[in-house]
Amino acid sequence: MKTAERITRALDLFWRLLTGVVMTAFALMLIIMAIQVISRYALGIAVSWTDEASRYLFLAEIFLGSVLALRYQEHIRITIVTDIMSPSLRNIAASVADVICVLVLLMLVVGAWNMMDRTAGIMASTFQMSFSYIYLIQLISALLMIGLLLGDLYRRIAGGPPTTEEGRSD
């Protein structure tokens, strides 16, 4: 097996695992919220950890899901101006947008890193989990999105194949 094939297989496995993690977080959040509603309204008892657990799963789902949305070009965007541009101008506009996004994501990385440091010793109120894990998910998500954006930017500058509707050409 060639190195390129190994890398392709490893990336494919990574994306399938990330999709599985996001789907699992969503399913667990739904189950936990069902437990919360049933226990509170049908049984008349409050299960305190369900609110916090569903919130953390929701955050994981949002940040990791945004990486998948970026990979598949599924983020919401308004293209009325870029649709009327020539392909070369559209390429320049996309490159500028990617650079701006990378800069914003770098700020998110720095902020997440600082918050991980500040919240490392602070535990969730209903179960033993450090708040820093929430910021770790943000950090990982931002780094993955930076990688995807830099890959797109490189392909545009190098004149390589554009990304496809089905996903990135990685």
Protein backbone atom coordinates (compact mmCIF):
# COMPACT_ATOMS: atom_id res chain seq x y z
CA MET A 1 0.00 0.00 0.00
CA LYS A 2 1.34 3.39 -0.99
CA THR A 3 1.75 6.23 1.47
CA ALA A 4 -0.89 8.32 -0.30
CA GLU A 5 -3.41 5.47 0.05
CA ARG A 6 -2.63 5.13 3.74
CA ILE A 7 -3.12 8.84 4.29
CA THR A 8 -6.40 8.76 2.36
CA ARG A 9 -7.64 5.80 4.39
CA ALA A 10 -6.56 7.41 7.66
CA LEU A 11 -8.35 10.66 6.74
CA ASP A 12 -11.46 8.74 5.71
CA LEU A 13 -11.42 6.89 9.04
CA PHE A 14 -10.91 10.17 10.91
CA TRP A 15 -13.91 11.81 9.21
CA ARG A 16 -16.09 8.76 9.85
CA LEU A 17 -15.05 8.76 13.52
CA LEU A 18 -15.74 12.49 13.86
CA THR A 19 -19.15 12.01 12.26
CA GLY A 20 -19.80 9.16 14.70
CA VAL A 21 -18.78 11.32 17.66
CA VAL A 22 -21.12 14.14 16.58
CA MET A 23 -24.01 11.73 15.98
CA THR A 24 -23.38 10.02 19.33
CA ALA A 25 -23.32 13.38 21.13
CA PHE A 26 -26.63 14.25 19.49
CA ALA A 27 -28.23 10.91 20.39
CA LEU A 28 -26.99 11.09 23.98
CA MET A 29 -28.25 14.64 24.30
CA LEU A 30 -31.70 13.57 23.11
CA ILE A 31 -31.77 10.62 25.52
CA ILE A 32 -30.63 12.75 28.45
CA MET A 33 -33.17 15.46 27.64
CA ALA A 34 -35.90 12.81 27.46
CA ILE A 35 -34.83 11.55 30.89
CA GLN A 36 -34.95 15.12 32.15
CA VAL A 37 -38.45 15.79 30.83
CA ILE A 38 -39.89 12.43 31.90
CA SER A 39 -38.37 12.57 35.36
CA ARG A 40 -39.41 16.17 35.99
CA TYR A 41 -42.93 16.22 34.55
CA ALA A 42 -44.08 12.60 34.66
CA LEU A 43 -42.38 11.46 37.88
CA GLY A 44 -42.12 14.78 39.67
CA ILE A 45 -38.41 14.40 40.48
CA ALA A 46 -35.52 16.48 39.21
CA VAL A 47 -32.40 14.72 37.96
CA SER A 48 -29.85 17.48 38.41
CA TRP A 49 -27.07 16.23 36.15
CA THR A 50 -29.23 16.05 33.01
CA ASP A 51 -29.29 19.81 32.38
CA GLU A 52 -25.53 20.16 32.58
CA ALA A 53 -24.77 16.98 30.63
CA SER A 54 -27.11 17.93 27.79
CA ARG A 55 -25.55 21.40 27.63
CA TYR A 56 -22.02 19.96 27.33
CA LEU A 57 -23.10 17.48 24.67
CA PHE A 58 -24.81 20.30 22.78
CA LEU A 59 -21.60 22.35 22.81
CA ALA A 60 -19.58 19.37 21.58
CA GLU A 61 -22.13 18.78 18.86
CA ILE A 62 -22.03 22.41 17.73
CA PHE A 63 -18.27 22.80 17.61
CA LEU A 64 -17.41 19.41 16.14
CA GLY A 65 -20.40 19.57 13.81
CA SER A 66 -19.17 22.91 12.48
CA VAL A 67 -15.97 21.18 11.37
CA LEU A 68 -18.05 18.68 9.39
CA ALA A 69 -20.19 21.48 7.95
CA LEU A 70 -17.04 23.28 6.78
CA ARG A 71 -15.69 20.08 5.24
CA TYR A 72 -18.84 19.54 3.22
CA GLN A 73 -19.29 23.25 2.38
CA GLU A 74 -22.60 23.30 4.29
CA HIS A 75 -22.21 26.49 6.31
CA ILE A 76 -24.77 29.14 5.50
CA ARG A 77 -23.46 31.81 3.18
CA ILE A 78 -24.83 34.57 1.03
CA THR A 79 -23.46 34.29 -2.51
CA ILE A 80 -25.42 36.94 -4.39
CA VAL A 81 -22.26 39.01 -5.00
CA THR A 82 -19.84 36.15 -5.62
CA ASP A 83 -22.24 34.47 -8.05
CA ILE A 84 -21.95 37.39 -10.46
CA MET A 85 -18.14 37.57 -10.23
CA SER A 86 -15.80 36.07 -12.78
CA PRO A 87 -14.11 32.81 -11.69
CA SER A 88 -10.82 34.59 -11.00
CA LEU A 89 -12.48 37.26 -8.83
CA ARG A 90 -14.54 34.57 -7.09
CA ASN A 91 -11.27 32.74 -6.36
CA ILE A 92 -9.74 35.90 -4.86
CA ALA A 93 -12.85 36.60 -2.75
CA ALA A 94 -12.86 33.02 -1.46
CA SER A 95 -9.17 33.27 -0.60
CA VAL A 96 -9.69 36.54 1.29
CA ALA A 97 -12.64 35.01 3.14
CA ASP A 98 -10.52 31.98 4.08
CA VAL A 99 -7.73 34.20 5.44
CA ILE A 100 -10.24 36.20 7.52
CA CYS A 101 -11.77 32.97 8.85
CA VAL A 102 -8.33 31.61 9.77
CA LEU A 103 -7.54 34.82 11.67
CA VAL A 104 -10.82 34.64 13.60
CA LEU A 105 -10.25 30.96 14.35
CA LEU A 106 -6.72 31.73 15.59
CA MET A 107 -8.29 34.18 18.05
CA LEU A 108 -10.66 31.41 19.13
CA VAL A 109 -7.69 29.06 19.62
CA VAL A 110 -5.90 31.60 21.83
CA GLY A 111 -9.08 32.28 23.80
CA ALA A 112 -9.83 28.58 24.24
CA TRP A 113 -6.24 27.92 25.37
CA ASN A 114 -6.44 30.72 27.95
CA MET A 115 -9.82 29.51 29.23
CA MET A 116 -8.54 25.92 29.48
CA ASP A 117 -5.78 27.19 31.73
CA ARG A 118 -8.16 29.30 33.83
CA THR A 119 -10.84 26.62 34.27
CA ALA A 120 -8.64 23.54 34.70
CA GLY A 121 -9.44 23.26 38.40
CA ILE A 122 -13.10 24.22 38.19
CA MET A 123 -15.47 21.27 38.13
CA ALA A 124 -19.01 21.02 36.85
CA SER A 125 -21.55 21.45 39.60
CA THR A 126 -23.34 18.11 39.24
CA PHE A 127 -20.57 15.70 38.20
CA GLN A 128 -16.79 15.55 38.28
CA MET A 129 -15.72 17.04 34.95
CA SER A 130 -13.44 20.01 34.49
CA PHE A 131 -14.76 23.01 32.59
CA SER A 132 -11.53 22.97 30.61
CA TYR A 133 -12.89 20.10 28.48
CA ILE A 134 -15.46 22.43 26.96
CA TYR A 135 -12.69 24.74 25.84
CA LEU A 136 -10.61 21.78 24.65
CA ILE A 137 -13.41 20.88 22.24
CA GLN A 138 -13.44 24.49 20.99
CA LEU A 139 -9.66 24.40 20.56
CA ILE A 140 -9.70 21.11 18.63
CA SER A 141 -12.58 22.27 16.43
CA ALA A 142 -10.89 25.57 15.60
CA LEU A 143 -7.61 23.82 14.74
CA LEU A 144 -9.40 21.35 12.46
CA MET A 145 -11.23 24.19 10.71
CA ILE A 146 -7.96 26.09 10.27
CA GLY A 147 -6.47 22.99 8.67
CA LEU A 148 -9.40 22.66 6.26
CA LEU A 149 -9.29 26.35 5.34
CA LEU A 150 -5.53 26.35 4.81
CA GLY A 151 -5.91 23.26 2.59
CA ASP A 152 -8.51 25.08 0.50
CA LEU A 153 -6.36 28.19 0.33
CA TYR A 154 -3.34 26.14 -0.77
CA ARG A 155 -5.37 24.37 -3.49
CA ARG A 156 -6.67 27.70 -4.77
CA ILE A 157 -3.22 29.31 -4.86
CA ALA A 158 -1.54 26.23 -6.34
CA GLY A 159 -4.27 25.93 -8.95
CA GLY A 160 -5.21 22.45 -7.83
CA PRO A 161 -8.62 20.86 -8.05
CA PRO A 162 -11.36 22.82 -6.32
CA THR A 163 -13.34 21.34 -3.51
CA THR A 164 -16.42 19.41 -4.59
CA GLU A 165 -20.01 19.58 -3.44
CA GLU A 166 -19.67 16.16 -1.79
CA GLY A 167 -16.74 17.22 0.32
CA ARG A 168 -13.19 18.34 0.19
CA SER A 169 -10.80 16.74 -2.23
CA ASP A 170 -8.46 15.54 0.51
